[in-house]
Amino acid sequence: MGFDIRMPIGMLFMLFGILLIAYGAATQGNAMYAEHSLGVNMNLWWGIALLCFGVVMLALTRMRRKQGPARTTGKQREPERPATRH
C-alpha cells in the first residue's frame, strides 16, 4: 500500500509547532511566563520540540520512499506437487 501515516502526522506536528513558535515569539517577555512557568517561555520551547518531531517524521517518510515499497513477511507458497498413488 502507498499510504504512510508518518506524512500527515509529521505535517500536523509541524503546523502545531509553527503556531506555537509564532505565539511564543509574539508573547516573549510577557508577565504571564514569570507568573506561571518560572520565566520560561514554554510555548516557544514546545513549539520547537513539535517542529523537530514533525521534521523527523517527514524525513522518515521521504527515506522510506527512496527505499521502495516494503516487502511482505509472509511465507512463500511452495509449488503444488502432484499427489502420489500407492
N, C-alpha and C. Protein backbone atom coordinates (compact mmCIF):
# COMPACT_ATOMS: atom_id res chain seq x y z
N MET A 1 0.83 -1.17 0.00
CA MET A 1 0.00 0.00 0.00
C MET A 1 0.88 1.24 0.00
N GLY A 2 0.36 2.33 -0.54
CA GLY A 2 1.15 3.53 -0.68
C GLY A 2 0.94 4.56 0.40
N PHE A 3 0.08 4.31 1.36
CA PHE A 3 -0.21 5.31 2.39
C PHE A 3 0.73 5.14 3.57
N ASP A 4 1.43 6.21 3.92
CA ASP A 4 2.33 6.18 5.07
C ASP A 4 1.80 7.17 6.10
N ILE A 5 1.45 6.71 7.28
CA ILE A 5 0.81 7.54 8.31
C ILE A 5 1.75 8.61 8.84
N ARG A 6 3.05 8.41 8.63
CA ARG A 6 4.01 9.40 9.14
C ARG A 6 3.91 10.75 8.44
N MET A 7 3.46 10.76 7.19
CA MET A 7 3.38 12.03 6.47
C MET A 7 2.32 12.96 7.06
N PRO A 8 1.07 12.56 7.24
CA PRO A 8 0.12 13.50 7.85
C PRO A 8 0.44 13.82 9.30
N ILE A 9 1.00 12.87 10.03
CA ILE A 9 1.39 13.14 11.42
C ILE A 9 2.50 14.18 11.45
N GLY A 10 3.49 14.03 10.59
CA GLY A 10 4.58 14.99 10.52
C GLY A 10 4.10 16.38 10.13
N MET A 11 3.20 16.45 9.17
CA MET A 11 2.67 17.75 8.75
C MET A 11 1.86 18.40 9.86
N LEU A 12 1.09 17.61 10.58
CA LEU A 12 0.28 18.15 11.67
C LEU A 12 1.15 18.67 12.81
N PHE A 13 2.16 17.92 13.19
CA PHE A 13 3.05 18.37 14.25
C PHE A 13 3.85 19.59 13.82
N MET A 14 4.24 19.65 12.55
CA MET A 14 4.94 20.84 12.08
C MET A 14 4.04 22.06 12.13
N LEU A 15 2.79 21.91 11.74
CA LEU A 15 1.84 23.02 11.78
C LEU A 15 1.64 23.52 13.20
N PHE A 16 1.41 22.60 14.14
CA PHE A 16 1.24 23.00 15.54
C PHE A 16 2.51 23.62 16.11
N GLY A 17 3.66 23.09 15.72
CA GLY A 17 4.92 23.65 16.17
C GLY A 17 5.12 25.07 15.67
N ILE A 18 4.81 25.31 14.41
CA ILE A 18 4.94 26.66 13.86
C ILE A 18 4.00 27.63 14.55
N LEU A 19 2.77 27.18 14.81
CA LEU A 19 1.81 28.05 15.52
C LEU A 19 2.29 28.38 16.93
N LEU A 20 2.81 27.38 17.65
CA LEU A 20 3.30 27.64 19.00
C LEU A 20 4.55 28.52 19.00
N ILE A 21 5.42 28.33 18.03
CA ILE A 21 6.61 29.19 17.93
C ILE A 21 6.19 30.63 17.67
N ALA A 22 5.24 30.82 16.77
CA ALA A 22 4.77 32.18 16.47
C ALA A 22 4.14 32.82 17.70
N TYR A 23 3.31 32.06 18.42
CA TYR A 23 2.67 32.61 19.62
C TYR A 23 3.70 32.89 20.71
N GLY A 24 4.65 31.99 20.88
CA GLY A 24 5.70 32.18 21.88
C GLY A 24 6.58 33.37 21.56
N ALA A 25 6.88 33.57 20.27
CA ALA A 25 7.70 34.71 19.88
C ALA A 25 6.92 36.02 20.04
N ALA A 26 5.62 35.99 19.79
CA ALA A 26 4.80 37.19 19.91
C ALA A 26 4.60 37.60 21.36
N THR A 27 4.63 36.66 22.28
CA THR A 27 4.40 36.96 23.69
C THR A 27 5.69 36.91 24.51
N GLN A 28 6.83 37.03 23.84
CA GLN A 28 8.13 36.98 24.52
C GLN A 28 8.22 38.11 25.55
N GLY A 29 8.63 37.80 26.76
CA GLY A 29 8.80 38.80 27.80
C GLY A 29 7.51 39.17 28.52
N ASN A 30 6.45 38.45 28.28
CA ASN A 30 5.17 38.73 28.92
C ASN A 30 5.24 38.32 30.39
N ALA A 31 4.50 39.02 31.23
CA ALA A 31 4.48 38.72 32.66
C ALA A 31 3.85 37.36 32.95
N MET A 32 3.07 36.85 32.01
CA MET A 32 2.43 35.55 32.18
C MET A 32 3.47 34.44 32.41
N TYR A 33 4.61 34.52 31.74
CA TYR A 33 5.64 33.49 31.87
C TYR A 33 6.32 33.53 33.24
N ALA A 34 6.54 34.72 33.75
CA ALA A 34 7.17 34.86 35.07
C ALA A 34 6.24 34.31 36.15
N GLU A 35 4.95 34.43 35.92
CA GLU A 35 3.97 34.02 36.92
C GLU A 35 3.69 32.52 36.89
N HIS A 36 3.63 31.93 35.70
CA HIS A 36 3.15 30.55 35.57
C HIS A 36 4.23 29.51 35.29
N SER A 37 5.32 29.89 34.65
CA SER A 37 6.29 28.86 34.25
C SER A 37 7.73 29.25 34.60
N LEU A 38 7.90 29.91 35.70
CA LEU A 38 9.22 30.27 36.23
C LEU A 38 10.06 31.05 35.22
N GLY A 39 9.42 31.87 34.43
CA GLY A 39 10.12 32.72 33.48
C GLY A 39 10.51 32.05 32.18
N VAL A 40 10.12 30.80 31.98
CA VAL A 40 10.48 30.07 30.76
C VAL A 40 9.31 30.18 29.77
N ASN A 41 9.61 30.54 28.54
CA ASN A 41 8.59 30.64 27.50
C ASN A 41 8.29 29.23 26.98
N MET A 42 7.38 28.54 27.64
CA MET A 42 7.08 27.15 27.30
C MET A 42 6.45 26.99 25.93
N ASN A 43 5.70 28.00 25.49
CA ASN A 43 5.11 27.92 24.15
C ASN A 43 6.20 27.87 23.09
N LEU A 44 7.22 28.66 23.26
CA LEU A 44 8.32 28.68 22.30
C LEU A 44 9.07 27.36 22.32
N TRP A 45 9.42 26.85 23.49
CA TRP A 45 10.19 25.61 23.58
C TRP A 45 9.40 24.39 23.10
N TRP A 46 8.12 24.32 23.45
CA TRP A 46 7.33 23.19 22.98
C TRP A 46 7.04 23.30 21.48
N GLY A 47 6.95 24.52 20.98
CA GLY A 47 6.81 24.69 19.54
C GLY A 47 8.02 24.18 18.80
N ILE A 48 9.20 24.46 19.33
CA ILE A 48 10.44 23.96 18.72
C ILE A 48 10.47 22.43 18.77
N ALA A 49 10.06 21.86 19.89
CA ALA A 49 10.04 20.39 20.03
C ALA A 49 9.07 19.76 19.04
N LEU A 50 7.88 20.34 18.90
CA LEU A 50 6.89 19.80 17.96
C LEU A 50 7.37 19.94 16.52
N LEU A 51 7.98 21.05 16.21
CA LEU A 51 8.50 21.26 14.87
C LEU A 51 9.59 20.24 14.55
N CYS A 52 10.49 19.99 15.48
CA CYS A 52 11.56 19.00 15.27
C CYS A 52 10.98 17.60 15.07
N PHE A 53 9.97 17.24 15.88
CA PHE A 53 9.34 15.93 15.73
C PHE A 53 8.67 15.80 14.36
N GLY A 54 8.00 16.85 13.92
CA GLY A 54 7.37 16.82 12.60
C GLY A 54 8.37 16.68 11.48
N VAL A 55 9.51 17.35 11.61
CA VAL A 55 10.56 17.25 10.59
C VAL A 55 11.12 15.83 10.55
N VAL A 56 11.30 15.22 11.70
CA VAL A 56 11.81 13.84 11.76
C VAL A 56 10.82 12.88 11.09
N MET A 57 9.53 13.06 11.37
CA MET A 57 8.52 12.18 10.76
C MET A 57 8.51 12.33 9.24
N LEU A 58 8.59 13.56 8.74
CA LEU A 58 8.62 13.76 7.30
C LEU A 58 9.90 13.23 6.68
N ALA A 59 11.02 13.34 7.39
CA ALA A 59 12.28 12.79 6.88
C ALA A 59 12.19 11.26 6.79
N LEU A 60 11.56 10.64 7.79
CA LEU A 60 11.40 9.18 7.73
C LEU A 60 10.51 8.77 6.57
N THR A 61 9.50 9.57 6.28
CA THR A 61 8.62 9.28 5.14
C THR A 61 9.41 9.37 3.84
N ARG A 62 10.22 10.39 3.70
CA ARG A 62 11.00 10.55 2.47
C ARG A 62 12.05 9.46 2.33
N MET A 63 12.66 9.05 3.42
CA MET A 63 13.64 7.97 3.36
C MET A 63 12.98 6.67 2.94
N ARG A 64 11.77 6.44 3.41
CA ARG A 64 11.05 5.21 3.07
C ARG A 64 10.71 5.19 1.58
N ARG A 65 10.36 6.34 1.03
CA ARG A 65 10.03 6.40 -0.39
C ARG A 65 11.23 6.09 -1.26
N LYS A 66 12.41 6.50 -0.83
CA LYS A 66 13.63 6.24 -1.60
C LYS A 66 14.00 4.76 -1.58
N GLN A 67 13.66 4.07 -0.48
CA GLN A 67 14.00 2.66 -0.36
C GLN A 67 13.09 1.79 -1.21
N GLY A 68 11.89 2.23 -1.48
CA GLY A 68 10.94 1.45 -2.25
C GLY A 68 9.92 0.82 -1.32
N PRO A 69 8.97 0.09 -1.89
CA PRO A 69 7.91 -0.49 -1.07
C PRO A 69 8.44 -1.58 -0.13
N ALA A 70 7.76 -1.73 0.97
CA ALA A 70 8.15 -2.74 1.96
C ALA A 70 7.83 -4.12 1.43
N ARG A 71 8.67 -5.06 1.80
CA ARG A 71 8.44 -6.44 1.40
C ARG A 71 7.49 -7.10 2.38
N THR A 72 6.70 -8.02 1.88
CA THR A 72 5.81 -8.75 2.77
C THR A 72 6.62 -9.81 3.50
N THR A 73 6.24 -10.07 4.73
CA THR A 73 6.98 -11.04 5.54
C THR A 73 6.28 -12.38 5.60
N GLY A 74 5.24 -12.55 4.82
CA GLY A 74 4.51 -13.81 4.85
C GLY A 74 5.31 -14.94 4.22
N LYS A 75 4.92 -16.15 4.51
CA LYS A 75 5.61 -17.30 3.95
C LYS A 75 5.32 -17.41 2.46
N GLN A 76 6.32 -17.85 1.72
CA GLN A 76 6.12 -18.05 0.29
C GLN A 76 5.45 -19.39 0.10
N ARG A 77 4.55 -19.40 -0.84
CA ARG A 77 3.85 -20.65 -1.12
C ARG A 77 4.75 -21.60 -1.89
N GLU A 78 4.75 -22.84 -1.48
CA GLU A 78 5.51 -23.85 -2.21
C GLU A 78 4.68 -24.32 -3.39
N PRO A 79 5.34 -24.67 -4.48
CA PRO A 79 4.57 -25.16 -5.63
C PRO A 79 3.87 -26.47 -5.27
N GLU A 80 2.69 -26.63 -5.82
CA GLU A 80 1.91 -27.84 -5.52
C GLU A 80 2.55 -29.04 -6.23
N ARG A 81 2.61 -30.11 -5.49
CA ARG A 81 3.17 -31.33 -6.04
C ARG A 81 2.01 -32.27 -6.40
N PRO A 82 2.18 -33.03 -7.42
CA PRO A 82 1.11 -33.97 -7.76
C PRO A 82 0.98 -35.05 -6.68
N ALA A 83 -0.22 -35.46 -6.46
CA ALA A 83 -0.47 -36.48 -5.44
C ALA A 83 0.15 -37.81 -5.88
N THR A 84 0.75 -38.51 -4.94
CA THR A 84 1.34 -39.81 -5.25
C THR A 84 0.31 -40.90 -4.98
N ARG A 85 0.34 -41.90 -5.85
CA ARG A 85 -0.60 -43.03 -5.69
C ARG A 85 0.16 -44.24 -5.18
N HIS A 86 -0.44 -44.94 -4.24
CA HIS A 86 0.19 -46.16 -3.70
C HIS A 86 -0.58 -47.35 -4.04
